Amino acid sequence: MHDRGFMRRTAALPVALVALTLPALASAQDRRCDLRRNALVADLGLHVVNVGFDRSLGCDVSLQASAGLYVPWDVNRDLFGLGGGTQRDVGGAVLRVRAFFHPEGEGRVGLWVSPFLQGGVALAPRGEERLTGVAVGGGLSAGYTWALGARWLLSLGGGAQVQAVMFDGDTDAPGFVGVGPHVDINVDYLL
């Protein structure tokens, strides 16, 4: 015959394991998405040096808005022909909005995919004249964010963007329109 004490102990083992594991799993889940909801951001990307604000909407999405300097150096220096064979001296200021989607559900830490839009004022010389125009752009990038202690995050990523600078309603030089690389370097301070 079967030992009833053995059967009770054996049946109780899975219940005990679940009871011991659930708090640890809940604690791990809390740690994964335990980041503060707000952050100050330094966006040090390929064309911009911006400062801004990031708001986490949960473990899967955060929204970011930033403002700062815009200098399309790859176009200004005609890197790999992106400037259309003409060096330009275009600069200005832009506002950038973007969403970060975190497929692993770990808040800001881990993998992310981010579409963005930006717009602002562009300036460039044409002979003795100083032109004022419009800079617009949008793109998509993907990357990874690491936690550097309790309050600092470092994000690195890359992708592609479409950008245009228009003076007097057209993209003739020093203006331009084109598709090019996008590089993300973000440093976040969690509030």
Protein backbone atom coordinates (compact mmCIF):
# COMPACT_ATOMS: atom_id res chain seq x y z
CA MET A 1 0.00 0.00 0.00
CA HIS A 2 1.06 3.61 -0.49
CA ASP A 3 2.30 5.64 2.42
CA ARG A 4 -0.34 8.37 2.96
CA GLY A 5 2.21 10.70 4.59
CA PHE A 6 4.45 10.38 1.53
CA MET A 7 1.48 11.18 -0.77
CA ARG A 8 0.58 14.26 1.28
CA ARG A 9 4.18 15.48 1.31
CA THR A 10 4.53 14.84 -2.43
CA ALA A 11 1.26 16.63 -3.20
CA ALA A 12 2.26 19.53 -0.98
CA LEU A 13 5.63 19.97 -2.74
CA PRO A 14 4.27 21.76 -5.87
CA VAL A 15 2.07 23.96 -3.69
CA ALA A 16 5.07 24.87 -1.52
CA LEU A 17 7.22 25.59 -4.59
CA VAL A 18 4.56 27.86 -6.09
CA ALA A 19 4.05 29.60 -2.73
CA LEU A 20 7.81 30.19 -2.42
CA THR A 21 8.30 31.19 -6.08
CA LEU A 22 5.39 33.63 -6.53
CA PRO A 23 6.80 36.37 -4.27
CA ALA A 24 10.20 36.05 -5.98
CA LEU A 25 8.57 36.25 -9.44
CA ALA A 26 6.46 39.22 -8.40
CA SER A 27 9.56 40.91 -6.97
CA ALA A 28 11.47 40.25 -10.23
CA GLN A 29 8.55 41.68 -12.23
CA ASP A 30 8.49 44.75 -9.99
CA ARG A 31 12.26 45.21 -10.45
CA ARG A 32 12.03 44.90 -14.24
CA CYS A 33 9.65 47.80 -14.53
CA ASP A 34 10.46 49.68 -11.36
CA LEU A 35 11.88 52.73 -13.11
CA ARG A 36 10.59 56.15 -12.23
CA ARG A 37 7.97 57.51 -14.64
CA ASN A 38 9.75 60.80 -15.46
CA ALA A 39 13.25 61.50 -16.73
CA LEU A 40 15.34 64.40 -17.95
CA VAL A 41 17.01 63.58 -21.28
CA ALA A 42 20.17 64.61 -23.13
CA ASP A 43 19.65 63.61 -26.78
CA LEU A 44 23.11 63.59 -28.37
CA GLY A 45 22.21 62.10 -31.75
CA LEU A 46 23.63 62.40 -35.22
CA HIS A 47 22.07 65.77 -36.11
CA VAL A 48 20.82 67.17 -32.80
CA VAL A 49 22.05 68.13 -29.37
CA ASN A 50 18.81 68.40 -27.42
CA VAL A 51 17.57 68.42 -23.86
CA GLY A 52 14.11 67.22 -22.97
CA PHE A 53 11.67 65.25 -20.90
CA ASP A 54 10.66 61.59 -21.06
CA ARG A 55 7.48 60.15 -19.54
CA SER A 56 6.95 56.42 -19.12
CA LEU A 57 3.38 55.31 -19.79
CA GLY A 58 4.04 51.83 -18.42
CA CYS A 59 6.39 48.96 -19.08
CA ASP A 60 5.87 49.00 -22.86
CA VAL A 61 5.84 52.67 -23.97
CA SER A 62 7.48 55.97 -23.12
CA LEU A 63 7.11 59.36 -24.80
CA GLN A 64 9.85 61.93 -25.20
CA ALA A 65 9.94 65.60 -26.21
CA SER A 66 13.16 67.55 -26.63
CA ALA A 67 14.45 70.80 -28.08
CA GLY A 68 17.88 71.98 -29.11
CA LEU A 69 20.43 72.52 -31.84
CA TYR A 70 20.12 71.02 -35.33
CA VAL A 71 23.22 70.63 -37.52
CA PRO A 72 22.95 68.03 -40.32
CA TRP A 73 26.70 67.38 -40.42
CA ASP A 74 26.49 64.50 -42.88
CA VAL A 75 24.77 66.82 -45.38
CA ASN A 76 26.90 69.84 -44.47
CA ARG A 77 30.06 67.82 -45.15
CA ASP A 78 28.51 65.82 -48.05
CA LEU A 79 29.27 62.53 -46.29
CA PHE A 80 28.93 59.61 -48.75
CA GLY A 81 27.18 61.90 -51.23
CA LEU A 82 24.26 62.59 -48.86
CA GLY A 83 24.73 66.32 -49.47
CA GLY A 84 24.15 65.93 -53.19
CA GLY A 85 27.73 66.92 -53.97
CA THR A 86 27.38 70.34 -52.35
CA GLN A 87 28.76 71.29 -48.98
CA ARG A 88 26.33 73.35 -46.97
CA ASP A 89 26.46 75.43 -43.82
CA VAL A 90 22.98 74.69 -42.46
CA GLY A 91 22.07 74.85 -38.79
CA GLY A 92 19.17 75.76 -36.60
CA ALA A 93 16.94 74.61 -33.78
CA VAL A 94 14.32 71.84 -33.67
CA LEU A 95 11.68 70.29 -31.48
CA ARG A 96 11.65 66.49 -31.54
CA VAL A 97 8.88 64.18 -30.36
CA ARG A 98 9.18 60.44 -30.25
CA ALA A 99 7.77 57.29 -28.76
CA PHE A 100 9.84 54.40 -27.45
CA PHE A 101 8.28 50.95 -27.66
CA HIS A 102 9.86 48.40 -25.32
CA PRO A 103 9.04 44.90 -26.67
CA GLU A 104 10.49 43.13 -23.63
CA GLY A 105 8.15 45.06 -21.32
CA GLU A 106 11.00 46.12 -19.05
CA GLY A 107 10.32 49.84 -19.01
CA ARG A 108 13.10 51.99 -20.34
CA VAL A 109 15.79 49.32 -19.88
CA GLY A 110 16.42 46.83 -22.68
CA LEU A 111 15.52 46.75 -26.35
CA TRP A 112 13.48 49.54 -27.94
CA VAL A 113 12.09 50.73 -31.27
CA SER A 114 11.43 54.44 -31.72
CA PRO A 115 9.71 56.46 -34.45
CA PHE A 116 10.27 60.22 -34.29
CA LEU A 117 9.25 63.52 -35.88
CA GLN A 118 11.03 66.84 -35.68
CA GLY A 119 10.60 70.35 -36.97
CA GLY A 120 12.13 73.75 -36.49
CA VAL A 121 13.97 76.73 -37.89
CA ALA A 122 16.96 76.43 -40.22
CA LEU A 123 19.56 79.09 -40.99
CA ALA A 124 22.15 79.21 -43.77
CA PRO A 125 24.25 81.77 -45.61
CA ARG A 126 23.81 82.46 -49.32
CA GLY A 127 26.50 84.89 -50.37
CA GLU A 128 26.13 87.92 -48.12
CA GLU A 129 22.52 87.02 -47.31
CA ARG A 130 21.43 85.04 -44.22
CA LEU A 131 18.52 82.73 -45.09
CA THR A 132 15.86 81.59 -42.64
CA GLY A 133 13.87 78.48 -43.46
CA VAL A 134 12.21 75.35 -42.15
CA ALA A 135 13.77 72.04 -41.08
CA VAL A 136 11.57 68.94 -40.88
CA GLY A 137 12.32 65.27 -40.48
CA GLY A 138 11.19 61.91 -39.29
CA GLY A 139 12.58 58.46 -38.91
CA LEU A 140 12.77 55.14 -37.15
CA SER A 141 15.51 53.70 -35.00
CA ALA A 142 16.11 50.70 -32.76
CA GLY A 143 18.53 50.22 -29.92
CA TYR A 144 19.23 49.20 -26.36
CA THR A 145 19.20 51.01 -22.99
CA TRP A 146 21.40 50.13 -20.02
CA ALA A 147 20.86 51.19 -16.42
CA LEU A 148 23.95 52.90 -14.99
CA GLY A 149 23.02 52.77 -11.34
CA ALA A 150 19.70 53.72 -9.80
CA ARG A 151 19.07 56.99 -11.69
CA TRP A 152 21.12 57.07 -14.91
CA LEU A 153 20.39 55.37 -18.24
CA LEU A 154 22.43 55.16 -21.44
CA SER A 155 20.71 54.42 -24.77
CA LEU A 156 22.46 53.63 -28.03
CA GLY A 157 20.70 52.98 -31.32
CA GLY A 158 20.57 53.58 -35.02
CA GLY A 159 18.23 53.68 -37.96
CA ALA A 160 17.19 55.84 -40.90
CA GLN A 161 15.59 59.23 -41.30
CA VAL A 162 14.13 61.47 -43.95
CA GLN A 163 14.96 65.13 -43.53
CA ALA A 164 14.41 68.31 -45.50
CA VAL A 165 15.49 71.89 -45.13
CA MET A 166 13.61 74.47 -47.19
CA PHE A 167 14.45 78.11 -47.85
CA ASP A 168 11.99 80.30 -49.74
CA GLY A 169 9.69 77.30 -50.15
CA ASP A 170 12.14 75.00 -51.98
CA THR A 171 14.94 72.57 -51.18
CA ASP A 172 17.51 74.07 -53.59
CA ALA A 173 20.98 74.52 -52.08
CA PRO A 174 21.65 75.35 -49.35
CA GLY A 175 18.39 73.49 -48.67
CA PHE A 176 18.07 69.75 -49.25
CA VAL A 177 15.86 66.71 -48.96
CA GLY A 178 17.11 63.17 -48.46
CA VAL A 179 17.23 59.88 -46.64
CA GLY A 180 20.19 59.22 -44.39
CA PRO A 181 21.47 57.46 -41.29
CA HIS A 182 20.18 58.18 -37.80
CA VAL A 183 22.24 57.59 -34.66
CA ASP A 184 20.85 57.76 -31.11
CA ILE A 185 22.87 58.51 -28.00
CA ASN A 186 20.57 59.36 -25.10
CA VAL A 187 21.50 59.90 -21.47
CA ASP A 188 18.53 59.93 -19.08
CA TYR A 189 18.37 61.05 -15.45
CA LEU A 190 15.41 59.46 -13.68
CA LEU A 191 13.44 61.83 -11.45
